[in-house]
Amino acid sequence: MSDDPIISPDTHRETRIPPRQAQTRKWPVLHAGSVPPFDAAKWDFNIYPVPLVDAVARFTWGEFLALPRIRVFADMHCVTRWSLLDNLWEGVATRELLKHVTIAPSAKFVMVHCEYGFSTNLPIDDFFGDDCLFALKHNGQDLTPDHGYPLRLVVPKLYAWKSAKWVRGVEFMTADRPGFWERWENGGYHMRGDPWTGGPNGDGERMRPDSEYTGHSL
């Protein structure tokens, strides 16, 4: 692991807090339901499906811990309007997956699958950003269970619900489909979730527009 962390581009903004957000000094805990238990002997991480990857890849906990690591200095913005600046994450770059599977050109999106059926969808270009990683540590300490231990995704450029907790695998997709929080019955959060959309007078991509609602749950 390099001594120098990757610096997330948004930390170079003149104004680092998006419109209508407020800076917090503490890291709030937000999730639905209980924290899932962790059993290292049963935990695995899967990358699929064929033919969007050349072969399904599976990692045990020990195998995942042995992957090369990076550190990322980044800010975090929650759709509930708090922003936590100056986070130092450590973990496995999302781009590390490219060393273990060959991805078909038709794969344009990913669904990140987590414990208890939670999930989130992302465009593949956002997912493979240089500052994106599967985090194991935050500010030098192991993640706590409330914040996603043993493993959470971190995508600094998007709202924090896209940085899903308790990750167990990645599904590549040819077309976008909503994850857990993006479904209408769970709130209808935006399919992408960019906090900077709209400029100084904007309000970010918080919720899906009504025009997307077709009367079906997705």
C-alpha atoms as a PDB file:
ATOM      1  CA  MET A   1       0.000   0.000   0.000  1.00  0.00           C
ATOM      2  CA  SER A   2       1.316   3.419  -0.942  1.00  0.00           C
ATOM      3  CA  ASP A   3       2.124   5.830   1.886  1.00  0.00           C
ATOM      4  CA  ASP A   4       0.279   8.588   0.040  1.00  0.00           C
ATOM      5  CA  PRO A   5      -3.519   8.389  -0.022  1.00  0.00           C
ATOM      6  CA  ILE A   6      -5.591   9.025  -3.112  1.00  0.00           C
ATOM      7  CA  ILE A   7      -7.156  12.465  -2.775  1.00  0.00           C
ATOM      8  CA  SER A   8     -10.809  12.573  -3.780  1.00  0.00           C
ATOM      9  CA  PRO A   9     -11.323  15.432  -6.279  1.00  0.00           C
ATOM     10  CA  ASP A  10     -14.247  16.943  -4.361  1.00  0.00           C
ATOM     11  CA  THR A  11     -11.946  17.791  -1.444  1.00  0.00           C
ATOM     12  CA  HIS A  12     -10.321  20.378  -3.723  1.00  0.00           C
ATOM     13  CA  ARG A  13     -13.571  22.308  -4.202  1.00  0.00           C
ATOM     14  CA  GLU A  14     -13.521  25.893  -2.955  1.00  0.00           C
ATOM     15  CA  THR A  15     -16.753  25.077  -1.126  1.00  0.00           C
ATOM     16  CA  ARG A  16     -16.634  21.461   0.028  1.00  0.00           C
ATOM     17  CA  ILE A  17     -20.167  21.259   1.449  1.00  0.00           C
ATOM     18  CA  PRO A  18     -22.951  20.898  -1.141  1.00  0.00           C
ATOM     19  CA  PRO A  19     -25.916  23.292  -1.088  1.00  0.00           C
ATOM     20  CA  ARG A  20     -28.389  22.793   1.785  1.00  0.00           C
ATOM     21  CA  GLN A  21     -26.010  20.452   3.621  1.00  0.00           C
ATOM     22  CA  ALA A  22     -24.591  21.122   7.113  1.00  0.00           C
ATOM     23  CA  GLN A  23     -21.204  20.004   8.401  1.00  0.00           C
ATOM     24  CA  THR A  24     -21.163  17.500  11.248  1.00  0.00           C
ATOM     25  CA  ARG A  25     -18.263  16.735  13.584  1.00  0.00           C
ATOM     26  CA  LYS A  26     -19.633  13.318  14.525  1.00  0.00           C
ATOM     27  CA  TRP A  27     -20.443  10.429  12.200  1.00  0.00           C
ATOM     28  CA  PRO A  28     -24.198   9.778  12.513  1.00  0.00           C
ATOM     29  CA  VAL A  29     -25.449   6.189  12.401  1.00  0.00           C
ATOM     30  CA  LEU A  30     -28.285   5.576   9.939  1.00  0.00           C
ATOM     31  CA  HIS A  31     -29.659   2.241   8.776  1.00  0.00           C
ATOM     32  CA  ALA A  32     -32.875   0.273   8.714  1.00  0.00           C
ATOM     33  CA  GLY A  33     -33.227  -2.751  10.963  1.00  0.00           C
ATOM     34  CA  SER A  34     -30.563  -4.485  13.019  1.00  0.00           C
ATOM     35  CA  VAL A  35     -26.837  -4.813  12.408  1.00  0.00           C
ATOM     36  CA  PRO A  36     -26.062  -8.168  10.748  1.00  0.00           C
ATOM     37  CA  PRO A  37     -23.780 -10.623  12.549  1.00  0.00           C
ATOM     38  CA  PHE A  38     -20.392 -11.397  11.030  1.00  0.00           C
ATOM     39  CA  ASP A  39     -18.940 -14.908  10.803  1.00  0.00           C
ATOM     40  CA  ALA A  40     -15.536 -14.885   9.103  1.00  0.00           C
ATOM     41  CA  ALA A  41     -15.775 -18.606   8.359  1.00  0.00           C
ATOM     42  CA  LYS A  42     -19.007 -18.161   6.380  1.00  0.00           C
ATOM     43  CA  TRP A  43     -18.459 -14.732   4.828  1.00  0.00           C
ATOM     44  CA  ASP A  44     -17.747 -14.518   1.114  1.00  0.00           C
ATOM     45  CA  PHE A  45     -17.687 -11.916  -1.648  1.00  0.00           C
ATOM     46  CA  ASN A  46     -18.937 -12.722  -5.141  1.00  0.00           C
ATOM     47  CA  ILE A  47     -18.593 -11.066  -8.557  1.00  0.00           C
ATOM     48  CA  TYR A  48     -21.090 -12.155 -11.219  1.00  0.00           C
ATOM     49  CA  PRO A  49     -22.906 -13.013 -13.562  1.00  0.00           C
ATOM     50  CA  VAL A  50     -21.586 -14.832 -16.600  1.00  0.00           C
ATOM     51  CA  PRO A  51     -21.559 -13.668 -19.439  1.00  0.00           C
ATOM     52  CA  LEU A  52     -21.081 -10.093 -18.157  1.00  0.00           C
ATOM     53  CA  VAL A  53     -17.989 -11.429 -16.417  1.00  0.00           C
ATOM     54  CA  ASP A  54     -15.909 -14.209 -17.924  1.00  0.00           C
ATOM     55  CA  ALA A  55     -16.268 -16.346 -14.806  1.00  0.00           C
ATOM     56  CA  VAL A  56     -17.847 -15.927 -11.392  1.00  0.00           C
ATOM     57  CA  ALA A  57     -15.229 -14.897  -8.820  1.00  0.00           C
ATOM     58  CA  ARG A  58     -15.564 -15.723  -5.136  1.00  0.00           C
ATOM     59  CA  PHE A  59     -13.390 -14.577  -2.235  1.00  0.00           C
ATOM     60  CA  THR A  60     -13.366 -15.870   1.312  1.00  0.00           C
ATOM     61  CA  TRP A  61     -12.763 -13.379   4.113  1.00  0.00           C
ATOM     62  CA  GLY A  62      -9.102 -14.332   4.277  1.00  0.00           C
ATOM     63  CA  GLU A  63      -8.705 -14.012   0.528  1.00  0.00           C
ATOM     64  CA  PHE A  64     -10.349 -10.605   0.494  1.00  0.00           C
ATOM     65  CA  LEU A  65      -8.137  -9.354   3.326  1.00  0.00           C
ATOM     66  CA  ALA A  66      -5.081 -10.418   1.316  1.00  0.00           C
ATOM     67  CA  LEU A  67      -5.958  -8.179  -1.658  1.00  0.00           C
ATOM     68  CA  PRO A  68      -3.871  -5.030  -2.206  1.00  0.00           C
ATOM     69  CA  ARG A  69      -5.076  -1.977  -0.336  1.00  0.00           C
ATOM     70  CA  ILE A  70      -5.346   1.736  -0.950  1.00  0.00           C
ATOM     71  CA  ARG A  71      -6.132   4.712   1.240  1.00  0.00           C
ATOM     72  CA  VAL A  72      -8.507   7.476   0.147  1.00  0.00           C
ATOM     73  CA  PHE A  73      -8.952  10.949   1.631  1.00  0.00           C
ATOM     74  CA  ALA A  74     -12.533  12.023   0.938  1.00  0.00           C
ATOM     75  CA  ASP A  75     -15.622  13.823   2.165  1.00  0.00           C
ATOM     76  CA  MET A  76     -18.986  12.136   2.808  1.00  0.00           C
ATOM     77  CA  HIS A  77     -22.400  13.669   2.167  1.00  0.00           C
ATOM     78  CA  CYS A  78     -25.617  12.115   3.449  1.00  0.00           C
ATOM     79  CA  VAL A  79     -28.996  12.685   1.812  1.00  0.00           C
ATOM     80  CA  THR A  80     -30.329  13.542   5.294  1.00  0.00           C
ATOM     81  CA  ARG A  81     -28.295  16.764   4.882  1.00  0.00           C
ATOM     82  CA  TRP A  82     -25.140  16.223   6.932  1.00  0.00           C
ATOM     83  CA  SER A  83     -21.603  16.289   5.536  1.00  0.00           C
ATOM     84  CA  LEU A  84     -18.579  14.714   7.239  1.00  0.00           C
ATOM     85  CA  LEU A  85     -15.291  16.091   5.913  1.00  0.00           C
ATOM     86  CA  ASP A  86     -11.705  14.775   6.014  1.00  0.00           C
ATOM     87  CA  ASN A  87     -12.296  11.025   6.124  1.00  0.00           C
ATOM     88  CA  LEU A  88      -9.368   8.683   5.576  1.00  0.00           C
ATOM     89  CA  TRP A  89     -10.551   5.336   4.270  1.00  0.00           C
ATOM     90  CA  GLU A  90      -8.503   2.163   3.835  1.00  0.00           C
ATOM     91  CA  GLY A  91      -9.538  -0.872   1.858  1.00  0.00           C
ATOM     92  CA  VAL A  92      -9.610  -2.532  -1.544  1.00  0.00           C
ATOM     93  CA  ALA A  93     -10.050  -0.373  -4.638  1.00  0.00           C
ATOM     94  CA  THR A  94     -13.124  -1.186  -6.661  1.00  0.00           C
ATOM     95  CA  ARG A  95     -10.786  -1.240  -9.679  1.00  0.00           C
ATOM     96  CA  GLU A  96      -9.042  -4.241  -8.102  1.00  0.00           C
ATOM     97  CA  LEU A  97     -11.975  -6.332  -9.373  1.00  0.00           C
ATOM     98  CA  LEU A  98     -10.728  -5.716 -12.914  1.00  0.00           C
ATOM     99  CA  LYS A  99      -7.696  -7.882 -12.102  1.00  0.00           C
ATOM    100  CA  HIS A 100      -9.877 -10.853 -11.223  1.00  0.00           C
ATOM    101  CA  VAL A 101     -12.637 -10.816 -13.846  1.00  0.00           C
ATOM    102  CA  THR A 102     -12.960  -9.665 -17.435  1.00  0.00           C
ATOM    103  CA  ILE A 103     -16.038  -7.489 -17.810  1.00  0.00           C
ATOM    104  CA  ALA A 104     -18.065  -7.476 -21.023  1.00  0.00           C
ATOM    105  CA  PRO A 105     -18.421  -4.129 -22.841  1.00  0.00           C
ATOM    106  CA  SER A 106     -22.200  -4.465 -22.514  1.00  0.00           C
ATOM    107  CA  ALA A 107     -21.962  -4.117 -18.710  1.00  0.00           C
ATOM    108  CA  LYS A 108     -22.975  -0.512 -17.967  1.00  0.00           C
ATOM    109  CA  PHE A 109     -24.184  -0.651 -14.361  1.00  0.00           C
ATOM    110  CA  VAL A 110     -23.554  -2.531 -11.130  1.00  0.00           C
ATOM    111  CA  MET A 111     -25.778  -3.663  -8.287  1.00  0.00           C
ATOM    112  CA  VAL A 112     -23.896  -3.881  -5.011  1.00  0.00           C
ATOM    113  CA  HIS A 113     -25.479  -6.557  -2.832  1.00  0.00           C
ATOM    114  CA  CYS A 114     -25.334  -6.440   0.946  1.00  0.00           C
ATOM    115  CA  GLU A 115     -26.548  -8.325   4.000  1.00  0.00           C
ATOM    116  CA  TYR A 116     -30.300  -8.615   4.702  1.00  0.00           C
ATOM    117  CA  GLY A 117     -31.210  -7.915   1.080  1.00  0.00           C
ATOM    118  CA  PHE A 118     -29.953  -4.342   1.007  1.00  0.00           C
ATOM    119  CA  SER A 119     -28.482  -3.193  -2.299  1.00  0.00           C
ATOM    120  CA  THR A 120     -27.630  -0.116  -4.322  1.00  0.00           C
ATOM    121  CA  ASN A 121     -27.242   0.512  -8.046  1.00  0.00           C
ATOM    122  CA  LEU A 122     -24.519   2.596  -9.697  1.00  0.00           C
ATOM    123  CA  PRO A 123     -23.304   3.461 -13.188  1.00  0.00           C
ATOM    124  CA  ILE A 124     -20.175   1.450 -13.857  1.00  0.00           C
ATOM    125  CA  ASP A 125     -18.070   4.593 -14.367  1.00  0.00           C
ATOM    126  CA  ASP A 126     -19.016   5.894 -10.901  1.00  0.00           C
ATOM    127  CA  PHE A 127     -18.322   2.498  -9.343  1.00  0.00           C
ATOM    128  CA  PHE A 128     -14.825   2.292 -10.834  1.00  0.00           C
ATOM    129  CA  GLY A 129     -13.803   5.836  -9.894  1.00  0.00           C
ATOM    130  CA  ASP A 130     -10.193   6.199  -8.810  1.00  0.00           C
ATOM    131  CA  ASP A 131     -11.280   7.211  -5.300  1.00  0.00           C
ATOM    132  CA  CYS A 132     -13.804   4.379  -4.839  1.00  0.00           C
ATOM    133  CA  LEU A 133     -13.075   1.422  -2.589  1.00  0.00           C
ATOM    134  CA  PHE A 134     -14.422  -1.353  -0.423  1.00  0.00           C
ATOM    135  CA  ALA A 135     -13.494   0.100   2.948  1.00  0.00           C
ATOM    136  CA  LEU A 136     -12.224  -1.910   5.882  1.00  0.00           C
ATOM    137  CA  LYS A 137     -10.969   0.994   8.005  1.00  0.00           C
ATOM    138  CA  HIS A 138     -11.956   4.588   8.725  1.00  0.00           C
ATOM    139  CA  ASN A 139      -9.431   7.070  10.119  1.00  0.00           C
ATOM    140  CA  GLY A 140      -7.048   4.257  10.991  1.00  0.00           C
ATOM    141  CA  GLN A 141      -9.559   2.116  12.873  1.00  0.00           C
ATOM    142  CA  ASP A 142     -11.559  -0.920  11.785  1.00  0.00           C
ATOM    143  CA  LEU A 143     -15.089  -0.009  10.784  1.00  0.00           C
ATOM    144  CA  THR A 144     -17.602  -0.448  13.565  1.00  0.00           C
ATOM    145  CA  PRO A 145     -20.596  -2.729  12.927  1.00  0.00           C
ATOM    146  CA  ASP A 146     -22.942   0.294  12.873  1.00  0.00           C
ATOM    147  CA  HIS A 147     -20.873   1.835  10.080  1.00  0.00           C
ATOM    148  CA  GLY A 148     -20.629  -1.270   7.931  1.00  0.00           C
ATOM    149  CA  TYR A 149     -18.087  -3.671   9.453  1.00  0.00           C
ATOM    150  CA  PRO A 150     -16.667  -5.799   8.037  1.00  0.00           C
ATOM    151  CA  LEU A 151     -16.919  -4.141   4.612  1.00  0.00           C
ATOM    152  CA  ARG A 152     -18.640  -1.130   3.086  1.00  0.00           C
ATOM    153  CA  LEU A 153     -18.507   0.491  -0.302  1.00  0.00           C
ATOM    154  CA  VAL A 154     -17.288   4.095  -0.469  1.00  0.00           C
ATOM    155  CA  VAL A 155     -18.171   6.236  -3.503  1.00  0.00           C
ATOM    156  CA  PRO A 156     -17.274   9.774  -2.361  1.00  0.00           C
ATOM    157  CA  LYS A 157     -18.798  11.682  -5.279  1.00  0.00           C
ATOM    158  CA  LEU A 158     -22.332  10.385  -4.573  1.00  0.00           C
ATOM    159  CA  TYR A 159     -24.638  10.604  -1.574  1.00  0.00           C
ATOM    160  CA  ALA A 160     -23.656   8.254   1.228  1.00  0.00           C
ATOM    161  CA  TRP A 161     -26.542   5.796   0.785  1.00  0.00           C
ATOM    162  CA  LYS A 162     -24.672   4.721  -2.363  1.00  0.00           C
ATOM    163  CA  SER A 163     -21.736   3.823  -0.091  1.00  0.00           C
ATOM    164  CA  ALA A 164     -23.569   0.706   1.016  1.00  0.00           C
ATOM    165  CA  LYS A 165     -22.767  -1.087   4.275  1.00  0.00           C
ATOM    166  CA  TRP A 166     -22.155  -4.812   4.884  1.00  0.00           C
ATOM    167  CA  VAL A 167     -21.251  -5.586   1.258  1.00  0.00           C
ATOM    168  CA  ARG A 168     -21.239  -9.179   0.019  1.00  0.00           C
ATOM    169  CA  GLY A 169     -20.974  -8.961  -3.764  1.00  0.00           C
ATOM    170  CA  VAL A 170     -21.210  -7.104  -7.049  1.00  0.00           C
ATOM    171  CA  GLU A 171     -23.580  -7.890  -9.895  1.00  0.00           C
ATOM    172  CA  PHE A 172     -22.853  -6.374 -13.295  1.00  0.00           C
ATOM    173  CA  MET A 173     -25.859  -5.302 -15.388  1.00  0.00           C
ATOM    174  CA  THR A 174     -26.555  -4.178 -18.936  1.00  0.00           C
ATOM    175  CA  ALA A 175     -29.376  -1.863 -17.831  1.00  0.00           C
ATOM    176  CA  ASP A 176     -30.024   0.099 -14.664  1.00  0.00           C
ATOM    177  CA  ARG A 177     -32.500  -1.094 -12.063  1.00  0.00           C
ATOM    178  CA  PRO A 178     -33.229   0.300  -8.606  1.00  0.00           C
ATOM    179  CA  GLY A 179     -31.535  -0.989  -5.490  1.00  0.00           C
ATOM    180  CA  PHE A 180     -33.222  -1.176  -2.088  1.00  0.00           C
ATOM    181  CA  TRP A 181     -33.518   2.536  -1.261  1.00  0.00           C
ATOM    182  CA  GLU A 182     -34.116   3.481  -4.864  1.00  0.00           C
ATOM    183  CA  ARG A 183     -37.314   1.429  -5.062  1.00  0.00           C
ATOM    184  CA  TRP A 184     -40.507   3.403  -4.687  1.00  0.00           C
ATOM    185  CA  GLU A 185     -41.729   1.337  -1.738  1.00  0.00           C
ATOM    186  CA  ASN A 186     -38.522   2.135   0.189  1.00  0.00           C
ATOM    187  CA  GLY A 187     -38.461   5.858  -0.474  1.00  0.00           C
ATOM    188  CA  GLY A 188     -37.688   6.263  -4.170  1.00  0.00           C
ATOM    189  CA  TYR A 189     -34.219   7.693  -3.705  1.00  0.00           C
ATOM    190  CA  HIS A 190     -32.480   8.908  -6.841  1.00  0.00           C
ATOM    191  CA  MET A 191     -31.032   6.332  -9.230  1.00  0.00           C
ATOM    192  CA  ARG A 192     -27.631   8.108  -9.189  1.00  0.00           C
ATOM    193  CA  GLY A 193     -27.498  10.470  -6.214  1.00  0.00           C
ATOM    194  CA  ASP A 194     -25.101  13.291  -7.094  1.00  0.00           C
ATOM    195  CA  PRO A 195     -25.102  15.852  -4.234  1.00  0.00           C
ATOM    196  CA  TRP A 196     -23.664  18.596  -6.456  1.00  0.00           C
ATOM    197  CA  THR A 197     -26.307  18.579  -9.213  1.00  0.00           C
ATOM    198  CA  GLY A 198     -27.900  21.976  -9.732  1.00  0.00           C
ATOM    199  CA  GLY A 199     -24.894  24.102  -8.809  1.00  0.00           C
ATOM    200  CA  PRO A 200     -24.888  26.655  -5.950  1.00  0.00           C
ATOM    201  CA  ASN A 201     -28.664  26.928  -5.946  1.00  0.00           C
ATOM    202  CA  GLY A 202     -29.384  23.241  -6.441  1.00  0.00           C
ATOM    203  CA  ASP A 203     -30.472  20.548  -4.044  1.00  0.00           C
ATOM    204  CA  GLY A 204     -28.667  17.499  -5.395  1.00  0.00           C
ATOM    205  CA  GLU A 205     -30.149  14.310  -6.812  1.00  0.00           C
ATOM    206  CA  ARG A 206     -32.048  13.251  -3.717  1.00  0.00           C
ATOM    207  CA  MET A 207     -35.231  11.618  -4.948  1.00  0.00           C
ATOM    208  CA  ARG A 208     -36.393  10.019  -8.173  1.00  0.00           C
ATOM    209  CA  PRO A 209     -38.554  12.364 -10.255  1.00  0.00           C
ATOM    210  CA  ASP A 210     -42.275  11.663 -10.326  1.00  0.00           C
ATOM    211  CA  SER A 211     -42.003  11.141 -14.075  1.00  0.00           C
ATOM    212  CA  GLU A 212     -40.258   7.820 -13.428  1.00  0.00           C
ATOM    213  CA  TYR A 213     -43.203   6.425 -11.481  1.00  0.00           C
ATOM    214  CA  THR A 214     -45.256   4.013 -13.579  1.00  0.00           C
ATOM    215  CA  GLY A 215     -47.500   2.620 -10.849  1.00  0.00           C
ATOM    216  CA  HIS A 216     -45.197  -0.360 -10.317  1.00  0.00           C
ATOM    217  CA  SER A 217     -43.025  -0.863  -7.235  1.00  0.00           C
ATOM    218  CA  LEU A 218     -39.706  -0.550  -9.088  1.00  0.00           C
END
